Amino acid sequence: MMRFILPFVVFVVLAGFLYVGLNLDPHEVPSPLIGKAAPPFNLPQLHDPAKSFSPQQMKGKVWLLNVWASWCVSCKEEHPILVQLSRQNIVPIYGLDYKDKRADAEMTLSGGGDPYTLTVSDTDGRIGIDYGVYGVPETYVIDKQGVIQYKQIGPVTHKSLNETILPLVAKLEKQS
């Protein structure tokens, strides 16, 4: 009888972990960057490589950083939603073109509309690593002090935009 107790206890513990794990949302991966300053960078702009952009330039503004790539299928899904959002002028959207060829990125934006205030090129993916990018697309809500307040893993949907991102942006805009 005693020899069956240990295997039974191990089975119950493993079954408990499996039960909890199956109820988790894979898009809800906690980011260690939430509540911390957005990692600094200074990257060339996609459309004008002679000019650069740094998050420091956004101090005092609430903004979105959308990590995308021309080769990303999910990015194409969220693209119309971002274009629509940019037309509403609610919050500026800055693009981080991740591990992509400049020509491919420019062609994507010229064909489907450009929702970004500006886009920077992270051709080697180093900045994506600093931001903890799991895969594109990912979108960050950054507050007036340059602190990451939210990270959307996967494409922005109408639901995530209306239920999470825009209410958070409105709240952050009210703060000084």
C-alpha atoms as a PDB file:
ATOM      1  CA  MET A   1       0.000   0.000   0.000  1.00  0.00           C
ATOM      2  CA  MET A   2       2.788   2.447   0.909  1.00  0.00           C
ATOM      3  CA  ARG A   3       4.546   1.969  -2.408  1.00  0.00           C
ATOM      4  CA  PHE A   4       1.509   3.437  -4.226  1.00  0.00           C
ATOM      5  CA  ILE A   5       1.253   6.595  -2.113  1.00  0.00           C
ATOM      6  CA  LEU A   6       4.282   8.425  -3.566  1.00  0.00           C
ATOM      7  CA  PRO A   7       3.314   7.819  -7.221  1.00  0.00           C
ATOM      8  CA  PHE A   8      -0.257   8.861  -6.416  1.00  0.00           C
ATOM      9  CA  VAL A   9       0.927  12.111  -4.772  1.00  0.00           C
ATOM     10  CA  VAL A  10       3.200  12.875  -7.742  1.00  0.00           C
ATOM     11  CA  PHE A  11       0.292  12.198 -10.114  1.00  0.00           C
ATOM     12  CA  VAL A  12      -2.039  14.539  -8.200  1.00  0.00           C
ATOM     13  CA  VAL A  13       0.571  17.334  -8.166  1.00  0.00           C
ATOM     14  CA  LEU A  14       1.262  16.989 -11.903  1.00  0.00           C
ATOM     15  CA  ALA A  15      -2.457  16.874 -12.680  1.00  0.00           C
ATOM     16  CA  GLY A  16      -2.898  20.066 -10.642  1.00  0.00           C
ATOM     17  CA  PHE A  17      -0.163  21.871 -12.612  1.00  0.00           C
ATOM     18  CA  LEU A  18      -1.668  20.670 -15.893  1.00  0.00           C
ATOM     19  CA  TYR A  19      -5.142  21.844 -14.850  1.00  0.00           C
ATOM     20  CA  VAL A  20      -3.857  25.326 -13.941  1.00  0.00           C
ATOM     21  CA  GLY A  21      -1.674  25.551 -17.053  1.00  0.00           C
ATOM     22  CA  LEU A  22      -4.496  24.705 -19.438  1.00  0.00           C
ATOM     23  CA  ASN A  23      -6.503  27.656 -18.125  1.00  0.00           C
ATOM     24  CA  LEU A  24      -3.770  30.242 -18.764  1.00  0.00           C
ATOM     25  CA  ASP A  25      -3.925  32.609 -21.727  1.00  0.00           C
ATOM     26  CA  PRO A  26      -0.718  32.387 -23.812  1.00  0.00           C
ATOM     27  CA  HIS A  27      -1.105  36.079 -24.720  1.00  0.00           C
ATOM     28  CA  GLU A  28      -0.893  37.008 -21.034  1.00  0.00           C
ATOM     29  CA  VAL A  29       2.847  36.542 -20.622  1.00  0.00           C
ATOM     30  CA  PRO A  30       3.983  38.835 -17.817  1.00  0.00           C
ATOM     31  CA  SER A  31       6.657  41.285 -18.860  1.00  0.00           C
ATOM     32  CA  PRO A  32       9.386  42.272 -16.429  1.00  0.00           C
ATOM     33  CA  LEU A  33       9.402  45.690 -18.141  1.00  0.00           C
ATOM     34  CA  ILE A  34       5.919  46.726 -16.956  1.00  0.00           C
ATOM     35  CA  GLY A  35       6.382  49.654 -14.579  1.00  0.00           C
ATOM     36  CA  LYS A  36       9.968  50.228 -15.722  1.00  0.00           C
ATOM     37  CA  ALA A  37      11.514  52.789 -18.046  1.00  0.00           C
ATOM     38  CA  ALA A  38      11.357  51.886 -21.715  1.00  0.00           C
ATOM     39  CA  PRO A  39      14.804  50.701 -22.820  1.00  0.00           C
ATOM     40  CA  PRO A  40      16.654  53.489 -24.609  1.00  0.00           C
ATOM     41  CA  PHE A  41      17.624  53.306 -28.246  1.00  0.00           C
ATOM     42  CA  ASN A  42      18.605  55.591 -31.086  1.00  0.00           C
ATOM     43  CA  LEU A  43      17.712  54.062 -34.443  1.00  0.00           C
ATOM     44  CA  PRO A  44      17.530  55.357 -38.009  1.00  0.00           C
ATOM     45  CA  GLN A  45      14.107  56.232 -39.334  1.00  0.00           C
ATOM     46  CA  LEU A  46      12.765  53.894 -41.986  1.00  0.00           C
ATOM     47  CA  HIS A  47      11.815  56.562 -44.518  1.00  0.00           C
ATOM     48  CA  ASP A  48      14.765  58.875 -43.810  1.00  0.00           C
ATOM     49  CA  PRO A  49      17.805  56.907 -42.523  1.00  0.00           C
ATOM     50  CA  ALA A  50      19.759  60.146 -42.094  1.00  0.00           C
ATOM     51  CA  LYS A  51      17.389  60.987 -39.215  1.00  0.00           C
ATOM     52  CA  SER A  52      17.110  58.991 -36.032  1.00  0.00           C
ATOM     53  CA  PHE A  53      14.545  58.516 -33.291  1.00  0.00           C
ATOM     54  CA  SER A  54      14.859  57.871 -29.583  1.00  0.00           C
ATOM     55  CA  PRO A  55      12.139  57.262 -26.961  1.00  0.00           C
ATOM     56  CA  GLN A  56      13.643  60.215 -25.080  1.00  0.00           C
ATOM     57  CA  GLN A  57      11.981  62.436 -27.690  1.00  0.00           C
ATOM     58  CA  MET A  58       8.575  61.283 -26.428  1.00  0.00           C
ATOM     59  CA  LYS A  59       8.964  62.419 -22.802  1.00  0.00           C
ATOM     60  CA  GLY A  60       5.785  64.172 -21.741  1.00  0.00           C
ATOM     61  CA  LYS A  61       3.599  62.199 -24.187  1.00  0.00           C
ATOM     62  CA  VAL A  62       1.659  58.952 -23.996  1.00  0.00           C
ATOM     63  CA  TRP A  63       2.447  56.816 -27.047  1.00  0.00           C
ATOM     64  CA  LEU A  64       2.381  53.330 -28.511  1.00  0.00           C
ATOM     65  CA  LEU A  65       5.391  51.410 -29.774  1.00  0.00           C
ATOM     66  CA  ASN A  66       4.312  48.723 -32.229  1.00  0.00           C
ATOM     67  CA  VAL A  67       6.900  46.078 -33.121  1.00  0.00           C
ATOM     68  CA  TRP A  68       6.156  44.689 -36.586  1.00  0.00           C
ATOM     69  CA  ALA A  69       7.738  43.266 -39.738  1.00  0.00           C
ATOM     70  CA  SER A  70       6.775  42.929 -43.392  1.00  0.00           C
ATOM     71  CA  TRP A  71       7.181  39.140 -43.182  1.00  0.00           C
ATOM     72  CA  CYS A  72       4.800  38.853 -40.207  1.00  0.00           C
ATOM     73  CA  VAL A  73       1.366  37.405 -41.027  1.00  0.00           C
ATOM     74  CA  SER A  74      -0.208  38.541 -37.740  1.00  0.00           C
ATOM     75  CA  CYS A  75       1.090  42.065 -38.362  1.00  0.00           C
ATOM     76  CA  LYS A  76      -0.968  42.144 -41.546  1.00  0.00           C
ATOM     77  CA  GLU A  77      -4.051  41.194 -39.467  1.00  0.00           C
ATOM     78  CA  GLU A  78      -3.634  44.106 -37.067  1.00  0.00           C
ATOM     79  CA  HIS A  79      -2.515  46.635 -39.691  1.00  0.00           C
ATOM     80  CA  PRO A  80      -6.016  47.891 -40.677  1.00  0.00           C
ATOM     81  CA  ILE A  81      -6.870  48.398 -37.003  1.00  0.00           C
ATOM     82  CA  LEU A  82      -3.716  50.475 -36.495  1.00  0.00           C
ATOM     83  CA  VAL A  83      -4.438  52.504 -39.631  1.00  0.00           C
ATOM     84  CA  GLN A  84      -7.939  53.217 -38.333  1.00  0.00           C
ATOM     85  CA  LEU A  85      -6.560  54.172 -34.903  1.00  0.00           C
ATOM     86  CA  SER A  86      -3.989  56.529 -36.411  1.00  0.00           C
ATOM     87  CA  ARG A  87      -6.717  58.350 -38.351  1.00  0.00           C
ATOM     88  CA  GLN A  88      -8.536  59.040 -35.078  1.00  0.00           C
ATOM     89  CA  ASN A  89      -5.480  60.903 -33.661  1.00  0.00           C
ATOM     90  CA  ILE A  90      -6.069  59.497 -30.179  1.00  0.00           C
ATOM     91  CA  VAL A  91      -2.494  58.412 -29.504  1.00  0.00           C
ATOM     92  CA  PRO A  92       0.671  58.523 -31.625  1.00  0.00           C
ATOM     93  CA  ILE A  93       1.857  55.150 -32.868  1.00  0.00           C
ATOM     94  CA  TYR A  94       5.554  54.616 -33.510  1.00  0.00           C
ATOM     95  CA  GLY A  95       6.706  51.582 -35.426  1.00  0.00           C
ATOM     96  CA  LEU A  96       9.729  49.407 -34.717  1.00  0.00           C
ATOM     97  CA  ASP A  97      10.429  47.416 -37.883  1.00  0.00           C
ATOM     98  CA  TYR A  98      11.955  44.223 -36.494  1.00  0.00           C
ATOM     99  CA  LYS A  99      14.557  42.124 -38.343  1.00  0.00           C
ATOM    100  CA  ASP A 100      13.369  43.296 -41.715  1.00  0.00           C
ATOM    101  CA  LYS A 101      14.701  44.627 -44.979  1.00  0.00           C
ATOM    102  CA  ARG A 102      14.139  48.350 -45.437  1.00  0.00           C
ATOM    103  CA  ALA A 103      12.721  47.951 -48.965  1.00  0.00           C
ATOM    104  CA  ASP A 104      10.245  45.275 -47.848  1.00  0.00           C
ATOM    105  CA  ALA A 105       9.081  47.406 -44.927  1.00  0.00           C
ATOM    106  CA  GLU A 106       8.635  50.503 -47.082  1.00  0.00           C
ATOM    107  CA  MET A 107       6.685  48.515 -49.671  1.00  0.00           C
ATOM    108  CA  THR A 108       4.391  47.102 -46.959  1.00  0.00           C
ATOM    109  CA  LEU A 109       3.619  50.564 -45.589  1.00  0.00           C
ATOM    110  CA  SER A 110       3.106  52.123 -49.007  1.00  0.00           C
ATOM    111  CA  GLY A 111       0.678  49.378 -50.005  1.00  0.00           C
ATOM    112  CA  GLY A 112      -1.446  49.056 -46.879  1.00  0.00           C
ATOM    113  CA  GLY A 113      -1.319  52.545 -45.433  1.00  0.00           C
ATOM    114  CA  ASP A 114       1.128  53.847 -42.877  1.00  0.00           C
ATOM    115  CA  PRO A 115      -0.338  54.096 -39.362  1.00  0.00           C
ATOM    116  CA  TYR A 116       2.922  55.248 -37.809  1.00  0.00           C
ATOM    117  CA  THR A 117       3.982  58.734 -36.857  1.00  0.00           C
ATOM    118  CA  LEU A 118       7.366  57.368 -37.826  1.00  0.00           C
ATOM    119  CA  THR A 119       9.037  53.984 -38.045  1.00  0.00           C
ATOM    120  CA  VAL A 120      12.553  53.009 -37.034  1.00  0.00           C
ATOM    121  CA  SER A 121      14.554  50.054 -38.341  1.00  0.00           C
ATOM    122  CA  ASP A 122      15.814  47.398 -35.945  1.00  0.00           C
ATOM    123  CA  THR A 123      17.443  45.282 -38.646  1.00  0.00           C
ATOM    124  CA  ASP A 124      19.582  43.176 -36.308  1.00  0.00           C
ATOM    125  CA  GLY A 125      16.891  42.765 -33.631  1.00  0.00           C
ATOM    126  CA  ARG A 126      18.953  44.152 -30.747  1.00  0.00           C
ATOM    127  CA  ILE A 127      16.319  46.612 -29.576  1.00  0.00           C
ATOM    128  CA  GLY A 128      13.678  43.897 -29.793  1.00  0.00           C
ATOM    129  CA  ILE A 129      15.789  41.866 -27.388  1.00  0.00           C
ATOM    130  CA  ASP A 130      16.017  44.830 -25.001  1.00  0.00           C
ATOM    131  CA  TYR A 131      12.216  45.104 -25.074  1.00  0.00           C
ATOM    132  CA  GLY A 132      11.766  41.373 -24.490  1.00  0.00           C
ATOM    133  CA  VAL A 133      10.038  40.772 -27.808  1.00  0.00           C
ATOM    134  CA  TYR A 134       8.750  37.191 -27.927  1.00  0.00           C
ATOM    135  CA  GLY A 135       7.563  37.546 -31.498  1.00  0.00           C
ATOM    136  CA  VAL A 136       5.958  40.146 -33.670  1.00  0.00           C
ATOM    137  CA  PRO A 137       3.608  41.882 -33.431  1.00  0.00           C
ATOM    138  CA  GLU A 138       3.868  43.341 -29.961  1.00  0.00           C
ATOM    139  CA  THR A 139       2.607  46.716 -28.812  1.00  0.00           C
ATOM    140  CA  TYR A 140       3.734  48.728 -25.802  1.00  0.00           C
ATOM    141  CA  VAL A 141       1.838  51.548 -24.096  1.00  0.00           C
ATOM    142  CA  ILE A 142       4.391  54.039 -22.784  1.00  0.00           C
ATOM    143  CA  ASP A 143       3.454  56.861 -20.420  1.00  0.00           C
ATOM    144  CA  LYS A 144       4.562  60.500 -20.208  1.00  0.00           C
ATOM    145  CA  GLN A 145       7.561  59.602 -18.023  1.00  0.00           C
ATOM    146  CA  GLY A 146       8.763  56.970 -20.511  1.00  0.00           C
ATOM    147  CA  VAL A 147       7.571  54.017 -18.420  1.00  0.00           C
ATOM    148  CA  ILE A 148       6.062  50.934 -20.048  1.00  0.00           C
ATOM    149  CA  GLN A 149       2.556  50.512 -18.665  1.00  0.00           C
ATOM    150  CA  TYR A 150       1.266  47.662 -20.835  1.00  0.00           C
ATOM    151  CA  LYS A 151       2.478  45.087 -23.332  1.00  0.00           C
ATOM    152  CA  GLN A 152       0.164  43.514 -25.915  1.00  0.00           C
ATOM    153  CA  ILE A 153       1.566  40.246 -27.195  1.00  0.00           C
ATOM    154  CA  GLY A 154       0.162  39.318 -30.571  1.00  0.00           C
ATOM    155  CA  PRO A 155      -1.949  41.434 -32.876  1.00  0.00           C
ATOM    156  CA  VAL A 156      -3.981  44.351 -31.596  1.00  0.00           C
ATOM    157  CA  THR A 157      -7.643  43.476 -32.017  1.00  0.00           C
ATOM    158  CA  HIS A 158     -10.713  45.679 -31.772  1.00  0.00           C
ATOM    159  CA  LYS A 159     -11.407  44.046 -28.408  1.00  0.00           C
ATOM    160  CA  SER A 160      -7.912  44.599 -26.955  1.00  0.00           C
ATOM    161  CA  LEU A 161      -7.879  48.137 -28.319  1.00  0.00           C
ATOM    162  CA  ASN A 162     -11.281  49.139 -26.933  1.00  0.00           C
ATOM    163  CA  GLU A 163     -11.182  47.210 -23.659  1.00  0.00           C
ATOM    164  CA  THR A 164      -7.559  47.613 -22.610  1.00  0.00           C
ATOM    165  CA  ILE A 165      -5.327  49.901 -24.661  1.00  0.00           C
ATOM    166  CA  LEU A 166      -7.551  52.950 -25.228  1.00  0.00           C
ATOM    167  CA  PRO A 167      -8.898  53.081 -21.640  1.00  0.00           C
ATOM    168  CA  LEU A 168      -5.309  52.888 -20.374  1.00  0.00           C
ATOM    169  CA  VAL A 169      -4.204  55.641 -22.780  1.00  0.00           C
ATOM    170  CA  ALA A 170      -7.110  57.855 -21.588  1.00  0.00           C
ATOM    171  CA  LYS A 171      -6.154  57.239 -17.957  1.00  0.00           C
ATOM    172  CA  LEU A 172      -2.488  58.007 -18.607  1.00  0.00           C
ATOM    173  CA  GLU A 173      -3.353  61.192 -20.530  1.00  0.00           C
ATOM    174  CA  LYS A 174      -5.167  62.517 -17.431  1.00  0.00           C
ATOM    175  CA  GLN A 175      -2.125  61.975 -15.220  1.00  0.00           C
ATOM    176  CA  SER A 176       0.491  64.691 -15.018  1.00  0.00           C
END
